[in-house]
Amino acid sequence: RYLQEKEQAMPSKALINSMLRDPSQIPDGVLANQVYQ
């Protein structure tokens, strides 16, 4: 939902999976920390 709002488009599964594996790729620091936890 965050990426959809930020990019104004539906994010690819590959991008989401990559960010879930490595939350440091997420531009929003708060969200990155939440995903990591």
PDB file of all heavy atoms in Angstrom:
ATOM      1  N   ARG A   1       0.835  -1.206   0.000  1.00  0.00           N
ATOM      2  CA  ARG A   1       0.000   0.000   0.000  1.00  0.00           C
ATOM      3  C   ARG A   1       0.872   1.259   0.000  1.00  0.00           C
ATOM      4  O   ARG A   1       0.568   2.242  -0.702  1.00  0.00           O
ATOM      5  CB  ARG A   1      -0.914  -0.009   1.220  1.00  0.00           C
ATOM      6  CG  ARG A   1      -1.771   1.241   1.401  1.00  0.00           C
ATOM      7  CD  ARG A   1      -2.784   1.392   0.281  1.00  0.00           C
ATOM      8  NE  ARG A   1      -3.588   2.584   0.478  1.00  0.00           N
ATOM      9  CZ  ARG A   1      -3.200   3.811   0.160  1.00  0.00           C
ATOM     10  NH1 ARG A   1      -2.002   4.002  -0.382  1.00  0.00           N
ATOM     11  NH2 ARG A   1      -3.987   4.833   0.377  1.00  0.00           N
ATOM     12  N   TYR A   2       1.956   1.244   0.744  1.00  0.00           N
ATOM     13  CA  TYR A   2       2.880   2.378   0.797  1.00  0.00           C
ATOM     14  C   TYR A   2       3.507   2.631  -0.579  1.00  0.00           C
ATOM     15  O   TYR A   2       3.547   3.768  -1.064  1.00  0.00           O
ATOM     16  CB  TYR A   2       3.969   2.114   1.838  1.00  0.00           C
ATOM     17  CG  TYR A   2       5.194   2.988   1.677  1.00  0.00           C
ATOM     18  CD1 TYR A   2       5.186   4.313   2.113  1.00  0.00           C
ATOM     19  CD2 TYR A   2       6.355   2.488   1.080  1.00  0.00           C
ATOM     20  CE1 TYR A   2       6.304   5.121   1.964  1.00  0.00           C
ATOM     21  CE2 TYR A   2       7.474   3.286   0.925  1.00  0.00           C
ATOM     22  CZ  TYR A   2       7.441   4.610   1.360  1.00  0.00           C
ATOM     23  OH  TYR A   2       8.551   5.406   1.200  1.00  0.00           O
ATOM     24  N   LEU A   3       3.987   1.573  -1.222  1.00  0.00           N
ATOM     25  CA  LEU A   3       4.624   1.719  -2.534  1.00  0.00           C
ATOM     26  C   LEU A   3       3.626   2.156  -3.597  1.00  0.00           C
ATOM     27  O   LEU A   3       3.963   2.925  -4.505  1.00  0.00           O
ATOM     28  CB  LEU A   3       5.279   0.393  -2.946  1.00  0.00           C
ATOM     29  CG  LEU A   3       6.489  -0.041  -2.099  1.00  0.00           C
ATOM     30  CD1 LEU A   3       6.930  -1.441  -2.492  1.00  0.00           C
ATOM     31  CD2 LEU A   3       7.640   0.946  -2.263  1.00  0.00           C
ATOM     32  N   GLN A   4       2.401   1.667  -3.455  1.00  0.00           N
ATOM     33  CA  GLN A   4       1.353   2.055  -4.402  1.00  0.00           C
ATOM     34  C   GLN A   4       1.087   3.553  -4.316  1.00  0.00           C
ATOM     35  O   GLN A   4       0.927   4.242  -5.332  1.00  0.00           O
ATOM     36  CB  GLN A   4       0.072   1.270  -4.107  1.00  0.00           C
ATOM     37  CG  GLN A   4      -1.037   1.479  -5.123  1.00  0.00           C
ATOM     38  CD  GLN A   4      -2.248   0.620  -4.802  1.00  0.00           C
ATOM     39  OE1 GLN A   4      -2.236  -0.184  -3.885  1.00  0.00           O
ATOM     40  NE2 GLN A   4      -3.309   0.804  -5.570  1.00  0.00           N
ATOM     41  N   GLU A   5       1.075   4.087  -3.096  1.00  0.00           N
ATOM     42  CA  GLU A   5       0.856   5.521  -2.901  1.00  0.00           C
ATOM     43  C   GLU A   5       2.062   6.329  -3.362  1.00  0.00           C
ATOM     44  O   GLU A   5       1.926   7.375  -4.005  1.00  0.00           O
ATOM     45  CB  GLU A   5       0.583   5.808  -1.423  1.00  0.00           C
ATOM     46  CG  GLU A   5       0.328   7.271  -1.120  1.00  0.00           C
ATOM     47  CD  GLU A   5       0.085   7.509   0.363  1.00  0.00           C
ATOM     48  OE1 GLU A   5       1.077   7.676   1.104  1.00  0.00           O
ATOM     49  OE2 GLU A   5      -1.089   7.500   0.775  1.00  0.00           O
ATOM     50  N   LYS A   6       3.246   5.827  -3.092  1.00  0.00           N
ATOM     51  CA  LYS A   6       4.475   6.552  -3.417  1.00  0.00           C
ATOM     52  C   LYS A   6       4.729   6.583  -4.930  1.00  0.00           C
ATOM     53  O   LYS A   6       5.113   7.619  -5.489  1.00  0.00           O
ATOM     54  CB  LYS A   6       5.660   5.902  -2.706  1.00  0.00           C
ATOM     55  CG  LYS A   6       6.978   6.641  -2.876  1.00  0.00           C
ATOM     56  CD  LYS A   6       8.074   5.972  -2.038  1.00  0.00           C
ATOM     57  CE  LYS A   6       9.358   6.785  -2.084  1.00  0.00           C
ATOM     58  NZ  LYS A   6       9.938   6.837  -3.430  1.00  0.00           N
ATOM     59  N   GLU A   7       4.522   5.449  -5.592  1.00  0.00           N
ATOM     60  CA  GLU A   7       4.836   5.346  -7.022  1.00  0.00           C
ATOM     61  C   GLU A   7       3.630   5.603  -7.921  1.00  0.00           C
ATOM     62  O   GLU A   7       3.780   5.664  -9.147  1.00  0.00           O
ATOM     63  CB  GLU A   7       5.402   3.952  -7.317  1.00  0.00           C
ATOM     64  CG  GLU A   7       6.617   3.561  -6.479  1.00  0.00           C
ATOM     65  CD  GLU A   7       7.812   4.448  -6.740  1.00  0.00           C
ATOM     66  OE1 GLU A   7       7.877   5.022  -7.844  1.00  0.00           O
ATOM     67  OE2 GLU A   7       8.681   4.564  -5.843  1.00  0.00           O
ATOM     68  N   GLN A   8       2.437   5.702  -7.302  1.00  0.00           N
ATOM     69  CA  GLN A   8       1.208   5.877  -8.078  1.00  0.00           C
ATOM     70  C   GLN A   8       1.004   4.735  -9.079  1.00  0.00           C
ATOM     71  O   GLN A   8       0.493   4.924 -10.183  1.00  0.00           O
ATOM     72  CB  GLN A   8       1.222   7.227  -8.814  1.00  0.00           C
ATOM     73  CG  GLN A   8       1.205   8.428  -7.891  1.00  0.00           C
ATOM     74  CD  GLN A   8      -0.062   8.486  -7.026  1.00  0.00           C
ATOM     75  OE1 GLN A   8      -1.176   8.458  -7.548  1.00  0.00           O
ATOM     76  NE2 GLN A   8       0.111   8.564  -5.722  1.00  0.00           N
ATOM     77  N   ALA A   9       1.440   3.556  -8.673  1.00  0.00           N
ATOM     78  CA  ALA A   9       1.279   2.363  -9.515  1.00  0.00           C
ATOM     79  C   ALA A   9       1.432   1.137  -8.624  1.00  0.00           C
ATOM     80  O   ALA A   9       2.023   1.204  -7.535  1.00  0.00           O
ATOM     81  CB  ALA A   9       2.303   2.340 -10.641  1.00  0.00           C
ATOM     82  N   MET A  10       0.895   0.009  -9.104  1.00  0.00           N
ATOM     83  CA  MET A  10       0.993  -1.226  -8.339  1.00  0.00           C
ATOM     84  C   MET A  10       2.425  -1.750  -8.393  1.00  0.00           C
ATOM     85  O   MET A  10       2.968  -1.990  -9.466  1.00  0.00           O
ATOM     86  CB  MET A  10       0.037  -2.289  -8.911  1.00  0.00           C
ATOM     87  CG  MET A  10      -0.037  -3.553  -8.064  1.00  0.00           C
ATOM     88  SD  MET A  10      -0.690  -3.254  -6.397  1.00  0.00           S
ATOM     89  CE  MET A  10      -2.390  -2.839  -6.790  1.00  0.00           C
ATOM     90  N   PRO A  11       3.073  -1.928  -7.245  1.00  0.00           N
ATOM     91  CA  PRO A  11       4.462  -2.397  -7.238  1.00  0.00           C
ATOM     92  C   PRO A  11       4.557  -3.863  -7.666  1.00  0.00           C
ATOM     93  O   PRO A  11       3.618  -4.638  -7.482  1.00  0.00           O
ATOM     94  CB  PRO A  11       4.888  -2.220  -5.773  1.00  0.00           C
ATOM     95  CG  PRO A  11       3.601  -2.321  -5.010  1.00  0.00           C
ATOM     96  CD  PRO A  11       2.560  -1.701  -5.885  1.00  0.00           C
ATOM     97  N   SER A  12       5.688  -4.248  -8.230  1.00  0.00           N
ATOM     98  CA  SER A  12       5.881  -5.630  -8.654  1.00  0.00           C
ATOM     99  C   SER A  12       6.136  -6.526  -7.440  1.00  0.00           C
ATOM    100  O   SER A  12       6.629  -6.070  -6.399  1.00  0.00           O
ATOM    101  CB  SER A  12       7.058  -5.734  -9.610  1.00  0.00           C
ATOM    102  OG  SER A  12       8.272  -5.448  -8.936  1.00  0.00           O
ATOM    103  N   LYS A  13       5.807  -7.797  -7.588  1.00  0.00           N
ATOM    104  CA  LYS A  13       6.062  -8.752  -6.510  1.00  0.00           C
ATOM    105  C   LYS A  13       7.555  -8.875  -6.238  1.00  0.00           C
ATOM    106  O   LYS A  13       7.966  -9.056  -5.088  1.00  0.00           O
ATOM    107  CB  LYS A  13       5.479 -10.120  -6.875  1.00  0.00           C
ATOM    108  CG  LYS A  13       3.961 -10.187  -6.823  1.00  0.00           C
ATOM    109  CD  LYS A  13       3.471 -11.598  -7.075  1.00  0.00           C
ATOM    110  CE  LYS A  13       1.947 -11.658  -6.968  1.00  0.00           C
ATOM    111  NZ  LYS A  13       1.433 -13.046  -7.202  1.00  0.00           N
ATOM    112  N   ALA A  14       8.348  -8.774  -7.311  1.00  0.00           N
ATOM    113  CA  ALA A  14       9.802  -8.878  -7.153  1.00  0.00           C
ATOM    114  C   ALA A  14      10.339  -7.767  -6.250  1.00  0.00           C
ATOM    115  O   ALA A  14      11.201  -8.006  -5.393  1.00  0.00           O
ATOM    116  CB  ALA A  14      10.479  -8.825  -8.515  1.00  0.00           C
ATOM    117  N   LEU A  15       9.820  -6.542  -6.440  1.00  0.00           N
ATOM    118  CA  LEU A  15      10.260  -5.419  -5.619  1.00  0.00           C
ATOM    119  C   LEU A  15       9.846  -5.609  -4.166  1.00  0.00           C
ATOM    120  O   LEU A  15      10.645  -5.395  -3.241  1.00  0.00           O
ATOM    121  CB  LEU A  15       9.671  -4.109  -6.166  1.00  0.00           C
ATOM    122  CG  LEU A  15       9.991  -2.842  -5.362  1.00  0.00           C
ATOM    123  CD1 LEU A  15      11.492  -2.591  -5.331  1.00  0.00           C
ATOM    124  CD2 LEU A  15       9.258  -1.637  -5.943  1.00  0.00           C
ATOM    125  N   ILE A  16       8.604  -6.022  -3.946  1.00  0.00           N
ATOM    126  CA  ILE A  16       8.108  -6.237  -2.584  1.00  0.00           C
ATOM    127  C   ILE A  16       8.920  -7.323  -1.893  1.00  0.00           C
ATOM    128  O   ILE A  16       9.348  -7.168  -0.738  1.00  0.00           O
ATOM    129  CB  ILE A  16       6.614  -6.604  -2.605  1.00  0.00           C
ATOM    130  CG1 ILE A  16       5.789  -5.418  -3.108  1.00  0.00           C
ATOM    131  CG2 ILE A  16       6.141  -7.017  -1.208  1.00  0.00           C
ATOM    132  CD1 ILE A  16       4.325  -5.730  -3.302  1.00  0.00           C
ATOM    133  N   ASN A  17       9.143  -8.441  -2.589  1.00  0.00           N
ATOM    134  CA  ASN A  17       9.913  -9.540  -2.002  1.00  0.00           C
ATOM    135  C   ASN A  17      11.327  -9.106  -1.655  1.00  0.00           C
ATOM    136  O   ASN A  17      11.877  -9.492  -0.617  1.00  0.00           O
ATOM    137  CB  ASN A  17       9.956 -10.733  -2.966  1.00  0.00           C
ATOM    138  CG  ASN A  17       8.607 -11.415  -3.099  1.00  0.00           C
ATOM    139  OD1 ASN A  17       7.756 -11.317  -2.221  1.00  0.00           O
ATOM    140  ND2 ASN A  17       8.406 -12.119  -4.197  1.00  0.00           N
ATOM    141  N   SER A  18      11.924  -8.300  -2.515  1.00  0.00           N
ATOM    142  CA  SER A  18      13.276  -7.819  -2.267  1.00  0.00           C
ATOM    143  C   SER A  18      13.325  -6.943  -1.022  1.00  0.00           C
ATOM    144  O   SER A  18      14.243  -7.060  -0.198  1.00  0.00           O
ATOM    145  CB  SER A  18      13.773  -7.038  -3.487  1.00  0.00           C
ATOM    146  OG  SER A  18      15.070  -6.527  -3.268  1.00  0.00           O
ATOM    147  N   MET A  19      12.330  -6.076  -0.856  1.00  0.00           N
ATOM    148  CA  MET A  19      12.295  -5.194   0.310  1.00  0.00           C
ATOM    149  C   MET A  19      11.972  -5.957   1.589  1.00  0.00           C
ATOM    150  O   MET A  19      12.449  -5.594   2.672  1.00  0.00           O
ATOM    151  CB  MET A  19      11.277  -4.079   0.085  1.00  0.00           C
ATOM    152  CG  MET A  19      11.717  -3.054  -0.943  1.00  0.00           C
ATOM    153  SD  MET A  19      10.530  -1.695  -1.125  1.00  0.00           S
ATOM    154  CE  MET A  19      11.476  -0.569  -2.176  1.00  0.00           C
ATOM    155  N   LEU A  20      11.173  -7.016   1.490  1.00  0.00           N
ATOM    156  CA  LEU A  20      10.885  -7.826   2.671  1.00  0.00           C
ATOM    157  C   LEU A  20      12.132  -8.583   3.114  1.00  0.00           C
ATOM    158  O   LEU A  20      12.377  -8.744   4.309  1.00  0.00           O
ATOM    159  CB  LEU A  20       9.750  -8.815   2.373  1.00  0.00           C
ATOM    160  CG  LEU A  20       8.347  -8.220   2.255  1.00  0.00           C
ATOM    161  CD1 LEU A  20       7.359  -9.279   1.789  1.00  0.00           C
ATOM    162  CD2 LEU A  20       7.890  -7.615   3.573  1.00  0.00           C
ATOM    163  N   ARG A  21      12.928  -9.031   2.138  1.00  0.00           N
ATOM    164  CA  ARG A  21      14.176  -9.725   2.476  1.00  0.00           C
ATOM    165  C   ARG A  21      15.200  -8.753   3.055  1.00  0.00           C
ATOM    166  O   ARG A  21      15.977  -9.115   3.940  1.00  0.00           O
ATOM    167  CB  ARG A  21      14.752 -10.420   1.241  1.00  0.00           C
ATOM    168  CG  ARG A  21      14.006 -11.680   0.806  1.00  0.00           C
ATOM    169  CD  ARG A  21      14.805 -12.456  -0.234  1.00  0.00           C
ATOM    170  NE  ARG A  21      14.984 -11.676  -1.458  1.00  0.00           N
ATOM    171  CZ  ARG A  21      14.175 -11.738  -2.498  1.00  0.00           C
ATOM    172  NH1 ARG A  21      13.111 -12.525  -2.468  1.00  0.00           N
ATOM    173  NH2 ARG A  21      14.407 -11.011  -3.575  1.00  0.00           N
ATOM    174  N   ASP A  22      15.193  -7.532   2.553  1.00  0.00           N
ATOM    175  CA  ASP A  22      16.164  -6.522   3.003  1.00  0.00           C
ATOM    176  C   ASP A  22      15.431  -5.200   3.228  1.00  0.00           C
ATOM    177  O   ASP A  22      15.377  -4.353   2.333  1.00  0.00           O
ATOM    178  CB  ASP A  22      17.267  -6.361   1.963  1.00  0.00           C
ATOM    179  CG  ASP A  22      18.294  -5.309   2.381  1.00  0.00           C
ATOM    180  OD1 ASP A  22      18.266  -4.880   3.558  1.00  0.00           O
ATOM    181  OD2 ASP A  22      19.119  -4.919   1.528  1.00  0.00           O
ATOM    182  N   PRO A  23      14.847  -4.992   4.417  1.00  0.00           N
ATOM    183  CA  PRO A  23      14.067  -3.783   4.697  1.00  0.00           C
ATOM    184  C   PRO A  23      14.836  -2.485   4.554  1.00  0.00           C
ATOM    185  O   PRO A  23      14.223  -1.415   4.442  1.00  0.00           O
ATOM    186  CB  PRO A  23      13.605  -3.992   6.152  1.00  0.00           C
ATOM    187  CG  PRO A  23      13.632  -5.471   6.345  1.00  0.00           C
ATOM    188  CD  PRO A  23      14.808  -5.950   5.535  1.00  0.00           C
ATOM    189  N   SER A  24      16.176  -2.532   4.544  1.00  0.00           N
ATOM    190  CA  SER A  24      16.945  -1.297   4.391  1.00  0.00           C
ATOM    191  C   SER A  24      16.708  -0.654   3.028  1.00  0.00           C
ATOM    192  O   SER A  24      17.034   0.519   2.825  1.00  0.00           O
ATOM    193  CB  SER A  24      18.445  -1.578   4.574  1.00  0.00           C
ATOM    194  OG  SER A  24      18.946  -2.394   3.525  1.00  0.00           O
ATOM    195  N   GLN A  25      16.140  -1.407   2.073  1.00  0.00           N
ATOM    196  CA  GLN A  25      15.815  -0.859   0.759  1.00  0.00           C
ATOM    197  C   GLN A  25      14.565   0.024   0.792  1.00  0.00           C
ATOM    198  O   GLN A  25      14.314   0.778  -0.150  1.00  0.00           O
ATOM    199  CB  GLN A  25      15.582  -1.993  -0.240  1.00  0.00           C
ATOM    200  CG  GLN A  25      16.778  -2.893  -0.482  1.00  0.00           C
ATOM    201  CD  GLN A  25      16.455  -4.013  -1.453  1.00  0.00           C
ATOM    202  OE1 GLN A  25      15.599  -3.868  -2.318  1.00  0.00           O
ATOM    203  NE2 GLN A  25      17.126  -5.142  -1.309  1.00  0.00           N
ATOM    204  N   ILE A  26      13.779  -0.072   1.853  1.00  0.00           N
ATOM    205  CA  ILE A  26      12.538   0.695   1.947  1.00  0.00           C
ATOM    206  C   ILE A  26      12.878   2.163   2.226  1.00  0.00           C
ATOM    207  O   ILE A  26      13.571   2.463   3.212  1.00  0.00           O
ATOM    208  CB  ILE A  26      11.626   0.140   3.066  1.00  0.00           C
ATOM    209  CG1 ILE A  26      11.298  -1.338   2.774  1.00  0.00           C
ATOM    210  CG2 ILE A  26      10.350   0.959   3.197  1.00  0.00           C
ATOM    211  CD1 ILE A  26      10.550  -2.027   3.886  1.00  0.00           C
ATOM    212  N   PRO A  27      12.410   3.094   1.387  1.00  0.00           N
ATOM    213  CA  PRO A  27      12.770   4.518   1.546  1.00  0.00           C
ATOM    214  C   PRO A  27      12.321   5.109   2.880  1.00  0.00           C
ATOM    215  O   PRO A  27      13.008   5.976   3.429  1.00  0.00           O
ATOM    216  CB  PRO A  27      12.046   5.204   0.382  1.00  0.00           C
ATOM    217  CG  PRO A  27      11.826   4.113  -0.621  1.00  0.00           C
ATOM    218  CD  PRO A  27      11.610   2.874   0.165  1.00  0.00           C
ATOM    219  N   ASP A  28      11.205   4.666   3.384  1.00  0.00           N
ATOM    220  CA  ASP A  28      10.659   5.200   4.634  1.00  0.00           C
ATOM    221  C   ASP A  28      11.284   4.453   5.813  1.00  0.00           C
ATOM    222  O   ASP A  28      11.067   3.263   6.001  1.00  0.00           O
ATOM    223  CB  ASP A  28       9.138   5.032   4.639  1.00  0.00           C
ATOM    224  CG  ASP A  28       8.484   5.726   5.815  1.00  0.00           C
ATOM    225  OD1 ASP A  28       8.792   5.346   6.961  1.00  0.00           O
ATOM    226  OD2 ASP A  28       7.664   6.626   5.593  1.00  0.00           O
ATOM    227  N   GLY A  29      12.053   5.176   6.640  1.00  0.00           N
ATOM    228  CA  GLY A  29      12.748   4.552   7.755  1.00  0.00           C
ATOM    229  C   GLY A  29      11.828   3.932   8.783  1.00  0.00           C
ATOM    230  O   GLY A  29      12.131   2.876   9.356  1.00  0.00           O
ATOM    231  N   VAL A  30      10.710   4.595   9.050  1.00  0.00           N
ATOM    232  CA  VAL A  30       9.752   4.073  10.026  1.00  0.00           C
ATOM    233  C   VAL A  30       9.181   2.744   9.548  1.00  0.00           C
ATOM    234  O   VAL A  30       9.133   1.758  10.279  1.00  0.00           O
ATOM    235  CB  VAL A  30       8.608   5.087  10.262  1.00  0.00           C
ATOM    236  CG1 VAL A  30       7.555   4.484  11.173  1.00  0.00           C
ATOM    237  CG2 VAL A  30       9.166   6.366  10.862  1.00  0.00           C
ATOM    238  N   LEU A  31       8.753   2.713   8.298  1.00  0.00           N
ATOM    239  CA  LEU A  31       8.191   1.491   7.740  1.00  0.00           C
ATOM    240  C   LEU A  31       9.250   0.386   7.671  1.00  0.00           C
ATOM    241  O   LEU A  31       8.952  -0.775   7.943  1.00  0.00           O
ATOM    242  CB  LEU A  31       7.616   1.756   6.345  1.00  0.00           C
ATOM    243  CG  LEU A  31       7.026   0.547   5.619  1.00  0.00           C
ATOM    244  CD1 LEU A  31       5.935  -0.107   6.454  1.00  0.00           C
ATOM    245  CD2 LEU A  31       6.483   0.956   4.252  1.00  0.00           C
ATOM    246  N   ALA A  32      10.481   0.751   7.317  1.00  0.00           N
ATOM    247  CA  ALA A  32      11.564  -0.238   7.238  1.00  0.00           C
ATOM    248  C   ALA A  32      11.744  -0.938   8.583  1.00  0.00           C
ATOM    249  O   ALA A  32      11.889  -2.160   8.651  1.00  0.00           O
ATOM    250  CB  ALA A  32      12.862   0.434   6.810  1.00  0.00           C
ATOM    251  N   ASN A  33      11.707  -0.157   9.649  1.00  0.00           N
ATOM    252  CA  ASN A  33      11.850  -0.719  10.988  1.00  0.00           C
ATOM    253  C   ASN A  33      10.675  -1.617  11.338  1.00  0.00           C
ATOM    254  O   ASN A  33      10.839  -2.696  11.923  1.00  0.00           O
ATOM    255  CB  ASN A  33      11.976   0.408  12.017  1.00  0.00           C
ATOM    256  CG  ASN A  33      12.098  -0.110  13.438  1.00  0.00           C
ATOM    257  OD1 ASN A  33      12.984  -0.902  13.755  1.00  0.00           O
ATOM    258  ND2 ASN A  33      11.199   0.331  14.303  1.00  0.00           N
ATOM    259  N   GLN A  34       9.468  -1.187  10.971  1.00  0.00           N
ATOM    260  CA  GLN A  34       8.272  -1.983  11.249  1.00  0.00           C
ATOM    261  C   GLN A  34       8.298  -3.316  10.489  1.00  0.00           C
ATOM    262  O   GLN A  34       7.952  -4.362  11.046  1.00  0.00           O
ATOM    263  CB  GLN A  34       7.015  -1.195  10.874  1.00  0.00           C
ATOM    264  CG  GLN A  34       6.754   0.024  11.730  1.00  0.00           C
ATOM    265  CD  GLN A  34       6.491  -0.335  13.183  1.00  0.00           C
ATOM    266  OE1 GLN A  34       5.677  -1.202  13.476  1.00  0.00           O
ATOM    267  NE2 GLN A  34       7.192   0.331  14.096  1.00  0.00           N
ATOM    268  N   VAL A  35       8.689  -3.263   9.231  1.00  0.00           N
ATOM    269  CA  VAL A  35       8.765  -4.481   8.420  1.00  0.00           C
ATOM    270  C   VAL A  35       9.801  -5.439   9.009  1.00  0.00           C
ATOM    271  O   VAL A  35       9.561  -6.649   9.109  1.00  0.00           O
ATOM    272  CB  VAL A  35       9.115  -4.132   6.956  1.00  0.00           C
ATOM    273  CG1 VAL A  35       9.479  -5.393   6.169  1.00  0.00           C
ATOM    274  CG2 VAL A  35       7.945  -3.420   6.294  1.00  0.00           C
ATOM    275  N   TYR A  36      10.931  -4.892   9.417  1.00  0.00           N
ATOM    276  CA  TYR A  36      11.991  -5.717  10.009  1.00  0.00           C
ATOM    277  C   TYR A  36      11.479  -6.434  11.261  1.00  0.00           C
ATOM    278  O   TYR A  36      11.696  -7.645  11.435  1.00  0.00           O
ATOM    279  CB  TYR A  36      13.194  -4.840  10.362  1.00  0.00           C
ATOM    280  CG  TYR A  36      14.259  -5.561  11.159  1.00  0.00           C
ATOM    281  CD1 TYR A  36      15.128  -6.452  10.534  1.00  0.00           C
ATOM    282  CD2 TYR A  36      14.371  -5.350  12.524  1.00  0.00           C
ATOM    283  CE1 TYR A  36      16.097  -7.120  11.270  1.00  0.00           C
ATOM    284  CE2 TYR A  36      15.331  -6.020  13.267  1.00  0.00           C
ATOM    285  CZ  TYR A  36      16.192  -6.910  12.642  1.00  0.00           C
ATOM    286  OH  TYR A  36      17.135  -7.575  13.383  1.00  0.00           O
ATOM    287  N   GLN A  37      10.780  -5.694  12.122  1.00  0.00           N
ATOM    288  CA  GLN A  37      10.271  -6.296  13.351  1.00  0.00           C
ATOM    289  C   GLN A  37       9.262  -7.403  13.058  1.00  0.00           C
ATOM    290  O   GLN A  37       9.215  -8.428  13.746  1.00  0.00           O
ATOM    291  CB  GLN A  37       9.627  -5.224  14.232  1.00  0.00           C
ATOM    292  CG  GLN A  37      10.630  -4.236  14.800  1.00  0.00           C
ATOM    293  CD  GLN A  37       9.985  -3.239  15.734  1.00  0.00           C
ATOM    294  OE1 GLN A  37       9.505  -3.589  16.796  1.00  0.00           O
ATOM    295  NE2 GLN A  37       9.956  -1.977  15.334  1.00  0.00           N
TER     296      GLN A  37
END
